[in-house]
């Protein structure tokens, strides 16, 4: 799920469009690519405080049969806790994809994910692109 489609009315539309392009009836895993919506370029409340806006997993696509599992990407421990502590949560994320390499080992996040039965998936395991000086 790309980060401009987090509004509830766009989530299923986005997944259905992906399935149509892939010519599939469902996917095994649908990943929420980024914890916040970028459509409003990091919206703030009236006091200027950042609004954490993530997809409500209670409005799930698993029940609709469009995906077998839901995963997240680039979520930290606090963001995962916010999802896991939502009242009425039906389906927790099955994985969390984060950059994890010798230069960025993610500290305690791997242990937290393991304790919650969330698979940690490393991207850029050899390090992300670094600018040459």
Foldseek 3Di string as FASTA:
>chain_A
DEQQQQDPVRVVVVLVVVCVVVVHQAEAEAEAEDQHRPNVPQDAPPVRHTDRRGHQCLSPCCVVVRYVFYAYEPDAPVSLVVNVPDPNRDHRHQEYEYADEPVCNNPCRCVSCVVVNHHYHHDCHVHDDDDDD
